[in-house]
Amino acid sequence: MTANLPEGCTSVNLYCQDESRFGLFTRNGKGLTARGVKPICCFQQVFSYTYLFGAYSPISGDHFQLELPYCSGATFQVFLDEFAQERPSELKVMLLDNGAFHKTKHLRWPVNIRPLFLPPYSPELNPAEKIWWRFKRAVTNKTIQTLDQCSEFIAQQVRSLSAAAVQSICNFPYFQPARSLWVIL
């Protein structure tokens, strides 16, 4: 089985990739209050953002994140190049959506990353979306004053994300039949 791996690759892992926007605009959400009392929270409407690119393995729980200022083909290339350097002997099969910047003709896929595109308009099939739900729930009804504070919030969320949590969040039922294949490889 390893004869089909690219040169230098000795193992295979599956990653679910996505990117999400984080910023200074307050996310409103549910709050606990007395019956009949509308929750009150601070709110700011500031349109200043940063982006978090992430890849999460439902098989091993490994994860890799990179915060970048924009979401474009050029920044996605930076993410791919950095991710390829993380465990370079691992062939990374990357499950991702059909964002235009994922398919730009200028994109150069590293030899140890292979894309596997989800059907169009199906974010519910991408387990990485659930990671973003977790991160964004932690900041619901709170205000962040600066992008530096936003970056610190992101770093704190990434540090608190364990391999077991990634496996628990990203282990969708359709990965179960394939799990034994990944162990064999």
Protein backbone atom coordinates (compact mmCIF):
# COMPACT_ATOMS: atom_id res chain seq x y z
CA MET A 1 0.00 0.00 0.00
CA THR A 2 2.84 2.43 0.74
CA ALA A 3 4.17 1.97 -2.83
CA ASN A 4 1.49 4.43 -4.04
CA LEU A 5 2.49 7.15 -1.59
CA PRO A 6 4.47 10.14 -2.86
CA GLU A 7 8.21 9.98 -2.31
CA GLY A 8 9.12 10.77 1.29
CA CYS A 9 5.62 10.03 2.65
CA THR A 10 5.36 7.16 5.12
CA SER A 11 1.85 7.63 6.52
CA VAL A 12 -1.59 8.91 5.51
CA ASN A 13 -4.05 11.05 7.45
CA LEU A 14 -7.40 12.64 6.66
CA TYR A 15 -8.00 16.32 7.46
CA CYS A 16 -11.13 18.43 7.21
CA GLN A 17 -10.18 21.96 6.16
CA ASP A 18 -12.07 25.23 6.39
CA GLU A 19 -11.56 28.88 7.17
CA SER A 20 -13.59 31.29 9.27
CA ARG A 21 -13.76 35.02 9.88
CA PHE A 22 -13.31 36.44 13.39
CA GLY A 23 -13.52 40.09 14.24
CA LEU A 24 -14.77 42.98 16.29
CA PHE A 25 -18.45 42.73 15.28
CA THR A 26 -20.34 41.36 18.31
CA ARG A 27 -22.00 37.98 17.81
CA ASN A 28 -25.39 37.96 19.49
CA GLY A 29 -26.66 34.73 20.91
CA LYS A 30 -28.75 33.20 23.62
CA GLY A 31 -28.33 34.35 27.19
CA LEU A 32 -29.67 33.14 30.51
CA THR A 33 -32.11 35.54 32.15
CA ALA A 34 -35.32 35.58 34.16
CA ARG A 35 -38.50 34.60 32.34
CA GLY A 36 -39.90 37.51 30.35
CA VAL A 37 -36.72 39.60 30.65
CA LYS A 38 -34.81 40.28 27.46
CA PRO A 39 -31.06 39.69 27.92
CA ILE A 40 -28.90 42.79 27.72
CA CYS A 41 -25.32 42.65 26.50
CA CYS A 42 -22.76 45.01 25.07
CA PHE A 43 -22.76 45.36 21.32
CA GLN A 44 -20.43 46.92 18.82
CA GLN A 45 -20.74 47.13 15.06
CA VAL A 46 -17.13 47.33 13.90
CA PHE A 47 -16.22 45.69 10.60
CA SER A 48 -12.60 44.70 11.21
CA TYR A 49 -11.66 41.05 10.75
CA THR A 50 -8.98 38.39 10.71
CA TYR A 51 -9.28 34.86 9.30
CA LEU A 52 -8.43 31.51 10.80
CA PHE A 53 -7.55 28.68 8.43
CA GLY A 54 -7.68 25.23 10.00
CA ALA A 55 -7.29 21.54 9.24
CA TYR A 56 -8.65 18.93 11.66
CA SER A 57 -8.20 15.16 11.59
CA PRO A 58 -11.20 13.10 12.73
CA ILE A 59 -8.92 10.05 12.66
CA SER A 60 -5.99 11.10 14.87
CA GLY A 61 -7.21 14.39 16.37
CA ASP A 62 -4.23 16.25 14.90
CA HIS A 63 -4.97 19.85 14.01
CA PHE A 64 -3.23 22.80 12.40
CA GLN A 65 -4.39 26.42 12.38
CA LEU A 66 -2.99 29.56 10.81
CA GLU A 67 -4.35 33.07 11.33
CA LEU A 68 -4.10 35.26 8.24
CA PRO A 69 -5.35 38.79 7.44
CA TYR A 70 -7.39 37.89 4.35
CA CYS A 71 -9.17 34.96 2.76
CA SER A 72 -7.89 34.64 -0.80
CA GLY A 73 -6.03 32.29 -3.11
CA ALA A 74 -2.72 33.81 -2.03
CA THR A 75 -3.39 33.34 1.69
CA PHE A 76 -4.73 29.83 1.08
CA GLN A 77 -1.42 29.05 -0.66
CA VAL A 78 0.43 30.28 2.45
CA PHE A 79 -1.73 27.98 4.58
CA LEU A 80 -1.04 24.98 2.28
CA ASP A 81 2.71 25.61 2.28
CA GLU A 82 2.85 25.91 6.08
CA PHE A 83 0.59 22.89 6.60
CA ALA A 84 2.75 20.79 4.25
CA GLN A 85 5.75 21.45 6.54
CA GLU A 86 3.83 20.11 9.56
CA ARG A 87 4.67 16.38 9.67
CA PRO A 88 6.18 16.43 6.14
CA SER A 89 6.36 12.63 5.87
CA GLU A 90 2.56 12.41 6.18
CA LEU A 91 0.33 12.36 3.09
CA LYS A 92 -2.54 14.67 4.00
CA VAL A 93 -5.85 13.93 2.30
CA MET A 94 -7.69 17.23 2.70
CA LEU A 95 -11.50 17.33 2.65
CA LEU A 96 -12.58 20.85 1.70
CA ASP A 97 -15.40 22.92 0.23
CA ASN A 98 -15.58 24.44 -3.24
CA GLY A 99 -14.49 27.97 -2.38
CA ALA A 100 -13.21 29.77 -5.48
CA PHE A 101 -9.80 30.33 -3.87
CA HIS A 102 -9.49 26.54 -3.31
CA LYS A 103 -9.55 26.04 -7.08
CA THR A 104 -7.67 29.04 -8.45
CA LYS A 105 -5.38 28.19 -11.36
CA HIS A 106 -2.42 29.81 -9.57
CA LEU A 107 -2.65 27.38 -6.63
CA ARG A 108 0.25 24.93 -6.25
CA TRP A 109 -0.67 21.87 -4.18
CA PRO A 110 2.28 20.57 -2.14
CA VAL A 111 3.27 17.01 -2.97
CA ASN A 112 2.10 15.73 0.44
CA ILE A 113 -1.40 17.28 0.30
CA ARG A 114 -4.20 15.85 -1.86
CA PRO A 115 -7.53 17.72 -2.13
CA LEU A 116 -10.86 15.93 -1.85
CA PHE A 117 -13.71 18.34 -2.62
CA LEU A 118 -17.12 18.10 -0.99
CA PRO A 119 -20.25 18.50 -3.13
CA PRO A 120 -21.16 22.16 -3.75
CA TYR A 121 -23.31 23.94 -1.15
CA SER A 122 -22.95 21.28 1.54
CA PRO A 123 -21.26 22.84 4.58
CA GLU A 124 -23.08 20.36 6.81
CA LEU A 125 -20.75 17.65 5.47
CA ASN A 126 -17.60 19.44 6.62
CA PRO A 127 -16.72 18.64 10.26
CA ALA A 128 -14.44 21.69 10.46
CA GLU A 129 -17.59 23.85 10.56
CA LYS A 130 -18.32 22.43 14.03
CA ILE A 131 -14.94 23.61 15.28
CA TRP A 132 -15.91 27.15 14.27
CA TRP A 133 -19.22 26.78 16.13
CA ARG A 134 -17.27 25.92 19.27
CA PHE A 135 -14.89 28.88 18.88
CA LYS A 136 -17.66 31.36 18.09
CA ARG A 137 -19.90 30.19 20.92
CA ALA A 138 -17.08 31.14 23.31
CA VAL A 139 -17.26 34.76 22.15
CA THR A 140 -21.05 35.12 21.83
CA ASN A 141 -22.43 38.25 23.55
CA LYS A 142 -18.93 39.55 24.30
CA THR A 143 -17.10 42.49 22.79
CA ILE A 144 -13.52 42.43 21.58
CA GLN A 145 -11.94 45.87 21.31
CA THR A 146 -8.93 45.28 19.04
CA LEU A 147 -7.70 42.78 16.46
CA ASP A 148 -4.82 41.97 18.82
CA GLN A 149 -7.39 40.91 21.45
CA CYS A 150 -9.17 38.93 18.74
CA SER A 151 -5.91 37.16 17.88
CA GLU A 152 -5.34 36.37 21.56
CA PHE A 153 -8.88 34.95 21.80
CA ILE A 154 -8.18 32.74 18.77
CA ALA A 155 -4.85 31.58 20.23
CA GLN A 156 -6.57 30.73 23.52
CA GLN A 157 -9.23 28.68 21.70
CA VAL A 158 -6.58 26.84 19.68
CA ARG A 159 -4.54 26.07 22.82
CA SER A 160 -7.61 24.64 24.54
CA LEU A 161 -8.42 22.32 21.62
CA SER A 162 -7.18 18.83 22.45
CA ALA A 163 -6.80 15.89 20.06
CA ALA A 164 -9.63 14.11 21.87
CA ALA A 165 -11.90 17.14 21.38
CA VAL A 166 -11.09 17.28 17.66
CA GLN A 167 -11.91 13.57 17.31
CA SER A 168 -15.14 13.99 19.25
CA ILE A 169 -16.28 17.05 17.28
CA CYS A 170 -15.16 15.93 13.80
CA ASN A 171 -15.91 12.21 13.90
CA PHE A 172 -18.96 12.24 11.62
CA PRO A 173 -20.73 8.88 11.06
CA TYR A 174 -19.63 8.65 7.43
CA PHE A 175 -15.99 8.32 8.58
CA GLN A 176 -16.69 5.13 10.57
CA PRO A 177 -16.48 2.62 7.66
CA ALA A 178 -13.21 4.20 6.50
CA ARG A 179 -11.61 4.29 9.97
CA SER A 180 -10.25 0.74 9.68
CA LEU A 181 -8.61 1.60 6.34
CA TRP A 182 -6.71 4.54 7.89
CA VAL A 183 -5.40 2.27 10.66
CA ILE A 184 -4.14 -0.25 8.09
CA LEU A 185 -2.34 2.41 6.06
